Amino acid sequence: MTVSHNQRVLDLAGRKGLLRAADLDAIEAPRIVLTRMTAAGLLDKVGRGLYRLPGHHGSENEGLATVATKVPQAVFCLLTALQFHELTTQLPRQIWIAMPRGSHVPRIDYPPIRMVQMTGDVYAEGIETVQRDGVALRVYGVAKTVADCFKHRNKIGLDVALEALKDVRLQRKASADDLWRYAMVCRVANVMRPYLEAVG
C-alpha cells in the first residue's frame, strides 16, 4: 500500500463524500486499500461497500446519499420526494425509489427502501438532479411527484396525494399546466381532473 494510493483515496473521498469500492477503479487503486485504510482509522465504513472520511457527520440527506451512491439509476419518488420538496407531514419509514420495469430490488442493509417499478416516460420524465453532501441525488420534480402520488394512491393513500396537491398549489411550487402535463404522462388525468379544478 503506497502513500500515493492512500492520498488518492482520501482525495476522492473528500470530493465524493461517500465512496464505493468500485470508485477506486477510476484512480487505479486496489480495493484492499479500503480495508487497510479502515483498519488504520483513515476511513469509516458506513455500510457494505460504502466508506467516508472519519468525523464526517452525515446530514438529514445521508440515507438518500447512501441509496444514490449504491443504486445510481434509482430516482427518489412518492413519499420520499414529497419529504425532499417539503410537501408532506408524513415521515416515511422507508426511502421510496423508482426503478425501470424489470429491475430487482437493490440489496441494501440500511436504510430500508421501497421500490416502485415504472416504464418509459413515466420513469424517465421529470427527473431533477440535486447535489447534496457531494452526491448527485436523482429526485422527481414537484409536479411529477404529485402525479405519481395519484397514480400510486392505492400504495400511499389518496389523502396523501390530495394533501400534496393542495400544498403545491398553496405554496405555488408547480403550475397547473405542469401538474396537468405530468398527469397526462402518468395517465392519471381523469383521476386528477376534478381535484385540479377544485384547487384551481
Protein backbone atom coordinates (compact mmCIF):
# COMPACT_ATOMS: atom_id res chain seq x y z
CA MET A 1 0.00 0.00 0.00
CA THR A 2 1.68 3.19 -1.11
CA VAL A 3 1.25 6.68 0.22
CA SER A 4 0.01 7.76 -3.20
CA HIS A 5 -2.80 5.16 -3.05
CA ASN A 6 -3.84 6.46 0.37
CA GLN A 7 -3.72 10.07 -0.74
CA ARG A 8 -5.68 9.41 -3.93
CA VAL A 9 -8.36 7.55 -1.95
CA LEU A 10 -8.56 10.34 0.66
CA ASP A 11 -8.81 13.00 -2.08
CA LEU A 12 -11.57 11.02 -3.80
CA ALA A 13 -13.47 10.51 -0.52
CA GLY A 14 -13.18 14.25 0.18
CA ARG A 15 -14.68 15.09 -3.23
CA LYS A 16 -17.44 12.46 -3.30
CA GLY A 17 -18.50 12.34 0.36
CA LEU A 18 -19.43 8.66 0.13
CA LEU A 19 -17.07 6.27 -1.57
CA ARG A 20 -17.91 2.91 -3.15
CA ALA A 21 -15.34 0.20 -3.69
CA ALA A 22 -15.98 0.47 -7.45
CA ASP A 23 -14.91 4.15 -7.35
CA LEU A 24 -11.32 3.03 -6.80
CA ASP A 25 -11.16 1.76 -10.40
CA ALA A 26 -11.12 5.38 -11.62
CA ILE A 27 -7.96 6.16 -9.61
CA GLU A 28 -6.33 2.75 -10.26
CA ALA A 29 -6.12 1.85 -6.58
CA PRO A 30 -6.62 -1.76 -5.43
CA ARG A 31 -9.73 -2.35 -3.31
CA ILE A 32 -7.70 -3.85 -0.47
CA VAL A 33 -6.63 -0.25 0.24
CA LEU A 34 -10.13 0.39 1.64
CA THR A 35 -9.82 -2.44 4.17
CA ARG A 36 -6.36 -1.32 5.26
CA MET A 37 -7.32 2.36 5.49
CA THR A 38 -10.41 1.46 7.54
CA ALA A 39 -8.28 -0.65 9.93
CA ALA A 40 -5.84 2.28 10.24
CA GLY A 41 -8.69 4.68 11.07
CA LEU A 42 -8.24 6.72 7.88
CA LEU A 43 -11.73 5.81 6.61
CA ASP A 44 -15.03 4.86 8.27
CA LYS A 45 -17.13 2.02 6.85
CA VAL A 46 -20.76 3.17 6.82
CA GLY A 47 -22.34 0.17 5.09
CA ARG A 48 -21.50 -2.76 2.88
CA GLY A 49 -19.13 -1.34 0.27
CA LEU A 50 -19.55 2.29 1.45
CA TYR A 51 -16.86 4.42 3.07
CA ARG A 52 -16.36 8.05 4.12
CA LEU A 53 -13.81 10.21 5.89
CA PRO A 54 -13.79 9.89 9.70
CA GLY A 55 -15.56 12.68 11.55
CA HIS A 56 -17.76 13.44 8.55
CA HIS A 57 -21.17 13.86 10.13
CA GLY A 58 -23.96 12.97 7.76
CA SER A 59 -26.78 15.38 7.13
CA GLU A 60 -30.51 14.65 7.02
CA ASN A 61 -29.87 13.54 3.42
CA GLU A 62 -27.38 10.83 4.40
CA GLY A 63 -29.86 8.00 3.76
CA LEU A 64 -30.62 9.43 0.31
CA ALA A 65 -26.91 9.83 -0.41
CA THR A 66 -26.29 6.21 0.59
CA VAL A 67 -29.02 4.92 -1.75
CA ALA A 68 -27.93 7.23 -4.61
CA THR A 69 -24.34 6.05 -4.27
CA LYS A 70 -25.22 2.34 -4.21
CA VAL A 71 -28.04 2.49 -6.79
CA PRO A 72 -27.24 5.31 -9.26
CA GLN A 73 -30.25 4.57 -11.51
CA ALA A 74 -32.71 4.99 -8.61
CA VAL A 75 -34.96 8.05 -8.64
CA PHE A 76 -36.44 9.20 -5.32
CA CYS A 77 -40.21 9.25 -5.60
CA LEU A 78 -43.55 9.37 -3.80
CA LEU A 79 -43.28 9.96 -0.02
CA THR A 80 -39.50 10.46 -0.15
CA ALA A 81 -39.80 13.04 -2.95
CA LEU A 82 -42.65 14.78 -1.08
CA GLN A 83 -40.47 14.99 2.03
CA PHE A 84 -37.49 16.21 -0.05
CA HIS A 85 -39.65 19.01 -1.54
CA GLU A 86 -41.12 19.79 1.93
CA LEU A 87 -44.65 18.94 0.82
CA THR A 88 -45.81 16.49 3.43
CA THR A 89 -46.24 16.00 7.12
CA GLN A 90 -45.57 12.27 6.59
CA LEU A 91 -42.27 10.83 7.81
CA PRO A 92 -41.70 7.77 5.62
CA ARG A 93 -40.14 4.78 7.39
CA GLN A 94 -38.60 3.70 4.10
CA ILE A 95 -36.89 5.51 1.24
CA TRP A 96 -39.11 5.27 -1.84
CA ILE A 97 -37.29 4.77 -5.13
CA ALA A 98 -38.43 4.32 -8.72
CA MET A 99 -36.58 1.88 -10.95
CA PRO A 100 -37.11 0.79 -14.56
CA ARG A 101 -39.55 -2.09 -15.06
CA GLY A 102 -37.81 -5.46 -14.64
CA SER A 103 -35.31 -4.18 -12.06
CA HIS A 104 -34.60 -6.25 -8.98
CA VAL A 105 -34.99 -4.67 -5.56
CA PRO A 106 -31.48 -3.45 -4.65
CA ARG A 107 -29.83 -5.26 -1.75
CA ILE A 108 -29.08 -2.56 0.80
CA ASP A 109 -28.73 -3.25 4.51
CA TYR A 110 -29.55 0.30 5.53
CA PRO A 111 -31.57 2.46 5.02
CA PRO A 112 -34.75 0.46 4.31
CA ILE A 113 -36.07 1.03 0.80
CA ARG A 114 -39.36 0.55 -1.01
CA MET A 115 -39.16 0.18 -4.78
CA VAL A 116 -41.76 1.06 -7.39
CA GLN A 117 -41.25 -0.08 -10.99
CA MET A 118 -42.03 2.40 -13.75
CA THR A 119 -41.85 2.18 -17.53
CA GLY A 120 -40.94 4.51 -20.38
CA ASP A 121 -41.79 8.19 -19.92
CA VAL A 122 -43.36 7.55 -16.51
CA TYR A 123 -39.88 6.59 -15.28
CA ALA A 124 -37.78 8.96 -17.43
CA GLU A 125 -39.75 12.24 -17.27
CA GLY A 126 -39.45 14.87 -14.55
CA ILE A 127 -36.12 13.79 -13.02
CA GLU A 128 -34.12 16.54 -11.33
CA THR A 129 -30.52 16.03 -10.23
CA VAL A 130 -29.58 17.82 -7.00
CA GLN A 131 -26.18 17.81 -5.25
CA ARG A 132 -26.24 17.04 -1.51
CA ASP A 133 -23.16 16.17 0.56
CA GLY A 134 -21.12 15.75 -2.64
CA VAL A 135 -23.54 13.14 -4.02
CA ALA A 136 -25.86 13.59 -7.02
CA LEU A 137 -29.43 12.77 -5.94
CA ARG A 138 -31.99 12.00 -8.66
CA VAL A 139 -35.44 13.01 -7.47
CA TYR A 140 -38.70 13.61 -9.31
CA GLY A 141 -39.73 17.25 -9.52
CA VAL A 142 -42.75 18.61 -7.68
CA ALA A 143 -45.36 18.27 -10.44
CA LYS A 144 -44.23 14.75 -11.41
CA THR A 145 -44.26 13.69 -7.74
CA VAL A 146 -47.87 14.84 -7.32
CA ALA A 147 -48.93 12.93 -10.45
CA ASP A 148 -47.07 9.84 -9.18
CA CYS A 149 -48.92 10.13 -5.86
CA PHE A 150 -52.25 9.95 -7.70
CA LYS A 151 -51.00 7.05 -9.83
CA HIS A 152 -49.89 5.11 -6.73
CA ARG A 153 -52.72 6.29 -4.45
CA ASN A 154 -53.51 2.68 -3.54
CA LYS A 155 -49.99 2.31 -2.08
CA ILE A 156 -49.69 5.64 -0.24
CA GLY A 157 -53.32 6.75 0.21
CA LEU A 158 -55.48 9.25 -1.67
CA ASP A 159 -55.33 11.59 1.36
CA VAL A 160 -51.54 11.93 0.89
CA ALA A 161 -51.98 12.75 -2.82
CA LEU A 162 -54.67 15.34 -2.05
CA GLU A 163 -52.57 16.95 0.71
CA ALA A 164 -49.61 17.17 -1.70
CA LEU A 165 -51.75 18.73 -4.44
CA LYS A 166 -53.19 21.34 -2.07
CA ASP A 167 -49.76 22.21 -0.64
CA VAL A 168 -48.21 22.53 -4.11
CA ARG A 169 -50.91 24.95 -5.26
CA LEU A 170 -50.90 26.89 -1.96
CA GLN A 171 -47.10 27.28 -1.99
CA ARG A 172 -47.06 27.85 -5.77
CA LYS A 173 -44.38 25.18 -6.25
CA ALA A 174 -45.84 23.99 -9.57
CA SER A 175 -48.17 25.50 -12.14
CA ALA A 176 -51.50 23.97 -13.12
CA ASP A 177 -50.02 23.40 -16.61
CA ASP A 178 -47.08 21.41 -15.18
CA LEU A 179 -49.40 19.35 -12.99
CA TRP A 180 -51.64 18.65 -15.98
CA ARG A 181 -48.66 17.73 -18.19
CA TYR A 182 -47.45 15.09 -15.71
CA ALA A 183 -51.00 13.88 -15.12
CA MET A 184 -51.03 13.07 -18.85
CA VAL A 185 -47.56 11.45 -18.75
CA CYS A 186 -48.58 9.27 -15.78
CA ARG A 187 -52.00 8.56 -17.35
CA VAL A 188 -53.96 9.83 -14.35
CA ALA A 189 -55.54 12.90 -16.00
CA ASN A 190 -59.11 11.61 -15.44
CA VAL A 191 -58.37 10.89 -11.78
CA MET A 192 -56.71 14.26 -11.15
CA ARG A 193 -59.04 16.50 -13.18
CA PRO A 194 -61.74 17.09 -10.52
CA TYR A 195 -59.14 17.75 -7.82
CA LEU A 196 -57.15 20.11 -10.05
CA GLU A 197 -60.34 22.03 -10.86
CA ALA A 198 -61.25 22.19 -7.16
CA VAL A 199 -57.91 23.68 -6.06
CA GLY A 200 -57.74 25.91 -9.16
